[in-house]
Amino acid sequence: MAKPEPKLTIADKLAIVRLEARGIRRAAAGIQHQPDIDRGIERIKDRARNRAAKRK
């Protein structure tokens, strides 16, 4: 079952952009396998899901 997409704040979106920029720099350096970037993005989305669940 897929997790629902959370509503991201501006800070969440900026954090994801920072992680993706780091991934682009690494890709330019020849590093193709970057599971930590994916985990970081998923962690930000999980935090947003938890925040939404607490409001309900």
PDB file of N, CA and C in Angstrom:
ATOM      1  N   MET A   1       0.845  -1.174   0.000  1.00  0.00           N
ATOM      2  CA  MET A   1       0.000   0.000   0.000  1.00  0.00           C
ATOM      3  C   MET A   1       0.891   1.238   0.000  1.00  0.00           C
ATOM      4  N   ALA A   2       0.619   2.146  -0.909  1.00  0.00           N
ATOM      5  CA  ALA A   2       1.419   3.359  -1.024  1.00  0.00           C
ATOM      6  C   ALA A   2       1.019   4.349   0.066  1.00  0.00           C
ATOM      7  N   LYS A   3       2.013   5.052   0.564  1.00  0.00           N
ATOM      8  CA  LYS A   3       1.753   6.071   1.581  1.00  0.00           C
ATOM      9  C   LYS A   3       1.172   7.302   0.902  1.00  0.00           C
ATOM     10  N   PRO A   4       0.218   7.972   1.530  1.00  0.00           N
ATOM     11  CA  PRO A   4      -0.331   9.186   0.920  1.00  0.00           C
ATOM     12  C   PRO A   4       0.719  10.299   0.912  1.00  0.00           C
ATOM     13  N   GLU A   5       0.649  11.138  -0.101  1.00  0.00           N
ATOM     14  CA  GLU A   5       1.588  12.258  -0.191  1.00  0.00           C
ATOM     15  C   GLU A   5       1.220  13.311   0.846  1.00  0.00           C
ATOM     16  N   PRO A   6       2.168  13.718   1.673  1.00  0.00           N
ATOM     17  CA  PRO A   6       1.882  14.717   2.705  1.00  0.00           C
ATOM     18  C   PRO A   6       1.888  16.129   2.133  1.00  0.00           C
ATOM     19  N   LYS A   7       1.286  17.045   2.872  1.00  0.00           N
ATOM     20  CA  LYS A   7       1.348  18.461   2.500  1.00  0.00           C
ATOM     21  C   LYS A   7       2.654  19.005   3.074  1.00  0.00           C
ATOM     22  N   LEU A   8       3.543  19.436   2.190  1.00  0.00           N
ATOM     23  CA  LEU A   8       4.861  19.898   2.602  1.00  0.00           C
ATOM     24  C   LEU A   8       4.862  21.403   2.835  1.00  0.00           C
ATOM     25  N   THR A   9       5.578  21.818   3.877  1.00  0.00           N
ATOM     26  CA  THR A   9       5.741  23.241   4.148  1.00  0.00           C
ATOM     27  C   THR A   9       6.883  23.773   3.279  1.00  0.00           C
ATOM     28  N   ILE A  10       7.048  25.076   3.295  1.00  0.00           N
ATOM     29  CA  ILE A  10       8.156  25.698   2.551  1.00  0.00           C
ATOM     30  C   ILE A  10       9.499  25.151   3.048  1.00  0.00           C
ATOM     31  N   ALA A  11       9.634  25.002   4.358  1.00  0.00           N
ATOM     32  CA  ALA A  11      10.888  24.488   4.929  1.00  0.00           C
ATOM     33  C   ALA A  11      11.145  23.050   4.461  1.00  0.00           C
ATOM     34  N   ASP A  12      10.084  22.239   4.396  1.00  0.00           N
ATOM     35  CA  ASP A  12      10.235  20.864   3.914  1.00  0.00           C
ATOM     36  C   ASP A  12      10.707  20.858   2.463  1.00  0.00           C
ATOM     37  N   LYS A  13      10.084  21.696   1.646  1.00  0.00           N
ATOM     38  CA  LYS A  13      10.447  21.764   0.228  1.00  0.00           C
ATOM     39  C   LYS A  13      11.892  22.221   0.051  1.00  0.00           C
ATOM     40  N   LEU A  14      12.316  23.195   0.849  1.00  0.00           N
ATOM     41  CA  LEU A  14      13.697  23.663   0.763  1.00  0.00           C
ATOM     42  C   LEU A  14      14.690  22.578   1.186  1.00  0.00           C
ATOM     43  N   ALA A  15      14.323  21.804   2.204  1.00  0.00           N
ATOM     44  CA  ALA A  15      15.196  20.715   2.650  1.00  0.00           C
ATOM     45  C   ALA A  15      15.344  19.664   1.552  1.00  0.00           C
ATOM     46  N   ILE A  16      14.252  19.374   0.850  1.00  0.00           N
ATOM     47  CA  ILE A  16      14.311  18.403  -0.243  1.00  0.00           C
ATOM     48  C   ILE A  16      15.181  18.945  -1.377  1.00  0.00           C
ATOM     49  N   VAL A  17      15.042  20.220  -1.689  1.00  0.00           N
ATOM     50  CA  VAL A  17      15.865  20.829  -2.742  1.00  0.00           C
ATOM     51  C   VAL A  17      17.342  20.754  -2.374  1.00  0.00           C
ATOM     52  N   ARG A  18      17.665  21.013  -1.100  1.00  0.00           N
ATOM     53  CA  ARG A  18      19.067  20.915  -0.658  1.00  0.00           C
ATOM     54  C   ARG A  18      19.599  19.500  -0.848  1.00  0.00           C
ATOM     55  N   LEU A  19      18.799  18.498  -0.482  1.00  0.00           N
ATOM     56  CA  LEU A  19      19.236  17.110  -0.650  1.00  0.00           C
ATOM     57  C   LEU A  19      19.421  16.764  -2.124  1.00  0.00           C
ATOM     58  N   GLU A  20      18.496  17.212  -2.959  1.00  0.00           N
ATOM     59  CA  GLU A  20      18.612  16.924  -4.385  1.00  0.00           C
ATOM     60  C   GLU A  20      19.825  17.617  -4.991  1.00  0.00           C
ATOM     61  N   ALA A  21      20.137  18.819  -4.538  1.00  0.00           N
ATOM     62  CA  ALA A  21      21.330  19.521  -5.027  1.00  0.00           C
ATOM     63  C   ALA A  21      22.591  18.751  -4.643  1.00  0.00           C
ATOM     64  N   ARG A  22      22.607  18.214  -3.444  1.00  0.00           N
ATOM     65  CA  ARG A  22      23.752  17.400  -3.017  1.00  0.00           C
ATOM     66  C   ARG A  22      23.881  16.176  -3.913  1.00  0.00           C
ATOM     67  N   GLY A  23      22.730  15.569  -4.243  1.00  0.00           N
ATOM     68  CA  GLY A  23      22.741  14.403  -5.125  1.00  0.00           C
ATOM     69  C   GLY A  23      23.246  14.743  -6.515  1.00  0.00           C
ATOM     70  N   ILE A  24      22.895  15.910  -7.021  1.00  0.00           N
ATOM     71  CA  ILE A  24      23.363  16.335  -8.343  1.00  0.00           C
ATOM     72  C   ILE A  24      24.872  16.537  -8.332  1.00  0.00           C
ATOM     73  N   ARG A  25      25.389  17.155  -7.265  1.00  0.00           N
ATOM     74  CA  ARG A  25      26.847  17.350  -7.168  1.00  0.00           C
ATOM     75  C   ARG A  25      27.562  16.007  -7.120  1.00  0.00           C
ATOM     76  N   ARG A  26      27.005  15.058  -6.381  1.00  0.00           N
ATOM     77  CA  ARG A  26      27.628  13.737  -6.308  1.00  0.00           C
ATOM     78  C   ARG A  26      27.569  13.026  -7.658  1.00  0.00           C
ATOM     79  N   ALA A  27      26.434  13.163  -8.352  1.00  0.00           N
ATOM     80  CA  ALA A  27      26.300  12.532  -9.667  1.00  0.00           C
ATOM     81  C   ALA A  27      27.327  13.110 -10.638  1.00  0.00           C
ATOM     82  N   ALA A  28      27.566  14.409 -10.547  1.00  0.00           N
ATOM     83  CA  ALA A  28      28.573  15.036 -11.400  1.00  0.00           C
ATOM     84  C   ALA A  28      29.965  14.504 -11.088  1.00  0.00           C
ATOM     85  N   ALA A  29      30.167  14.097  -9.833  1.00  0.00           N
ATOM     86  CA  ALA A  29      31.456  13.537  -9.425  1.00  0.00           C
ATOM     87  C   ALA A  29      31.559  12.052  -9.756  1.00  0.00           C
ATOM     88  N   GLY A  30      30.473  11.483 -10.300  1.00  0.00           N
ATOM     89  CA  GLY A  30      30.524  10.081 -10.716  1.00  0.00           C
ATOM     90  C   GLY A  30      29.939   9.101  -9.714  1.00  0.00           C
ATOM     91  N   ILE A  31      29.361   9.574  -8.642  1.00  0.00           N
ATOM     92  CA  ILE A  31      28.757   8.692  -7.640  1.00  0.00           C
ATOM     93  C   ILE A  31      27.301   8.472  -8.039  1.00  0.00           C
ATOM     94  N   GLN A  32      26.972   7.267  -8.452  1.00  0.00           N
ATOM     95  CA  GLN A  32      25.633   6.988  -8.954  1.00  0.00           C
ATOM     96  C   GLN A  32      24.698   6.421  -7.892  1.00  0.00           C
ATOM     97  N   HIS A  33      25.198   5.628  -6.978  1.00  0.00           N
ATOM     98  CA  HIS A  33      24.374   4.979  -5.952  1.00  0.00           C
ATOM     99  C   HIS A  33      24.294   5.897  -4.735  1.00  0.00           C
ATOM    100  N   GLN A  34      23.091   6.477  -4.483  1.00  0.00           N
ATOM    101  CA  GLN A  34      22.946   7.460  -3.408  1.00  0.00           C
ATOM    102  C   GLN A  34      21.692   7.164  -2.566  1.00  0.00           C
ATOM    103  N   PRO A  35      21.671   6.052  -1.854  1.00  0.00           N
ATOM    104  CA  PRO A  35      20.471   5.715  -1.085  1.00  0.00           C
ATOM    105  C   PRO A  35      20.215   6.677   0.076  1.00  0.00           C
ATOM    106  N   ASP A  36      21.238   7.355   0.576  1.00  0.00           N
ATOM    107  CA  ASP A  36      21.042   8.290   1.685  1.00  0.00           C
ATOM    108  C   ASP A  36      20.206   9.490   1.263  1.00  0.00           C
ATOM    109  N   ILE A  37      20.294   9.900   0.018  1.00  0.00           N
ATOM    110  CA  ILE A  37      19.480  11.012  -0.478  1.00  0.00           C
ATOM    111  C   ILE A  37      18.012  10.596  -0.469  1.00  0.00           C
ATOM    112  N   ASP A  38      17.729   9.398  -0.979  1.00  0.00           N
ATOM    113  CA  ASP A  38      16.350   8.887  -0.995  1.00  0.00           C
ATOM    114  C   ASP A  38      15.792   8.743   0.417  1.00  0.00           C
ATOM    115  N   ARG A  39      16.609   8.231   1.330  1.00  0.00           N
ATOM    116  CA  ARG A  39      16.155   8.082   2.722  1.00  0.00           C
ATOM    117  C   ARG A  39      15.881   9.438   3.354  1.00  0.00           C
ATOM    118  N   GLY A  40      16.717  10.423   3.057  1.00  0.00           N
ATOM    119  CA  GLY A  40      16.519  11.757   3.606  1.00  0.00           C
ATOM    120  C   GLY A  40      15.216  12.374   3.134  1.00  0.00           C
ATOM    121  N   ILE A  41      14.907  12.216   1.863  1.00  0.00           N
ATOM    122  CA  ILE A  41      13.656  12.754   1.324  1.00  0.00           C
ATOM    123  C   ILE A  41      12.472  12.031   1.953  1.00  0.00           C
ATOM    124  N   GLU A  42      12.567  10.731   2.087  1.00  0.00           N
ATOM    125  CA  GLU A  42      11.475   9.968   2.701  1.00  0.00           C
ATOM    126  C   GLU A  42      11.287  10.360   4.168  1.00  0.00           C
ATOM    127  N   ARG A  43      12.386  10.650   4.866  1.00  0.00           N
ATOM    128  CA  ARG A  43      12.304  11.077   6.265  1.00  0.00           C
ATOM    129  C   ARG A  43      11.566  12.416   6.384  1.00  0.00           C
ATOM    130  N   ILE A  44      11.838  13.337   5.467  1.00  0.00           N
ATOM    131  CA  ILE A  44      11.151  14.632   5.472  1.00  0.00           C
ATOM    132  C   ILE A  44       9.656  14.436   5.237  1.00  0.00           C
ATOM    133  N   LYS A  45       9.310  13.564   4.294  1.00  0.00           N
ATOM    134  CA  LYS A  45       7.898  13.300   4.012  1.00  0.00           C
ATOM    135  C   LYS A  45       7.214  12.608   5.193  1.00  0.00           C
ATOM    136  N   ASP A  46       7.928  11.694   5.862  1.00  0.00           N
ATOM    137  CA  ASP A  46       7.358  11.035   7.051  1.00  0.00           C
ATOM    138  C   ASP A  46       7.084  12.047   8.154  1.00  0.00           C
ATOM    139  N   ARG A  47       7.999  12.991   8.340  1.00  0.00           N
ATOM    140  CA  ARG A  47       7.806  14.035   9.338  1.00  0.00           C
ATOM    141  C   ARG A  47       6.553  14.855   9.035  1.00  0.00           C
ATOM    142  N   ALA A  48       6.338  15.163   7.753  1.00  0.00           N
ATOM    143  CA  ALA A  48       5.152  15.926   7.346  1.00  0.00           C
ATOM    144  C   ALA A  48       3.880  15.101   7.580  1.00  0.00           C
ATOM    145  N   ARG A  49       3.941  13.787   7.304  1.00  0.00           N
ATOM    146  CA  ARG A  49       2.781  12.924   7.557  1.00  0.00           C
ATOM    147  C   ARG A  49       2.452  12.882   9.046  1.00  0.00           C
ATOM    148  N   ASN A  50       3.466  12.782   9.882  1.00  0.00           N
ATOM    149  CA  ASN A  50       3.263  12.741  11.326  1.00  0.00           C
ATOM    150  C   ASN A  50       2.679  14.047  11.825  1.00  0.00           C
ATOM    151  N   ARG A  51       3.146  15.143  11.280  1.00  0.00           N
ATOM    152  CA  ARG A  51       2.627  16.460  11.661  1.00  0.00           C
ATOM    153  C   ARG A  51       1.153  16.568  11.293  1.00  0.00           C
ATOM    154  N   ALA A  52       0.772  16.065  10.120  1.00  0.00           N
ATOM    155  CA  ALA A  52      -0.631  16.115   9.695  1.00  0.00           C
ATOM    156  C   ALA A  52      -1.496  15.215  10.559  1.00  0.00           C
ATOM    157  N   ALA A  53      -0.945  14.058  10.970  1.00  0.00           N
ATOM    158  CA  ALA A  53      -1.715  13.124  11.801  1.00  0.00           C
ATOM    159  C   ALA A  53      -1.986  13.703  13.191  1.00  0.00           C
ATOM    160  N   LYS A  54      -1.057  14.485  13.710  1.00  0.00           N
ATOM    161  CA  LYS A  54      -1.230  15.086  15.027  1.00  0.00           C
ATOM    162  C   LYS A  54      -2.287  16.171  15.034  1.00  0.00           C
ATOM    163  N   ARG A  55      -2.496  16.825  13.878  1.00  0.00           N
ATOM    164  CA  ARG A  55      -3.499  17.878  13.786  1.00  0.00           C
ATOM    165  C   ARG A  55      -4.922  17.358  13.772  1.00  0.00           C
ATOM    166  N   LYS A  56      -5.080  16.125  13.347  1.00  0.00           N
ATOM    167  CA  LYS A  56      -6.447  15.578  13.213  1.00  0.00           C
ATOM    168  C   LYS A  56      -7.074  15.307  14.535  1.00  0.00           C
TER     169      LYS A  56
END
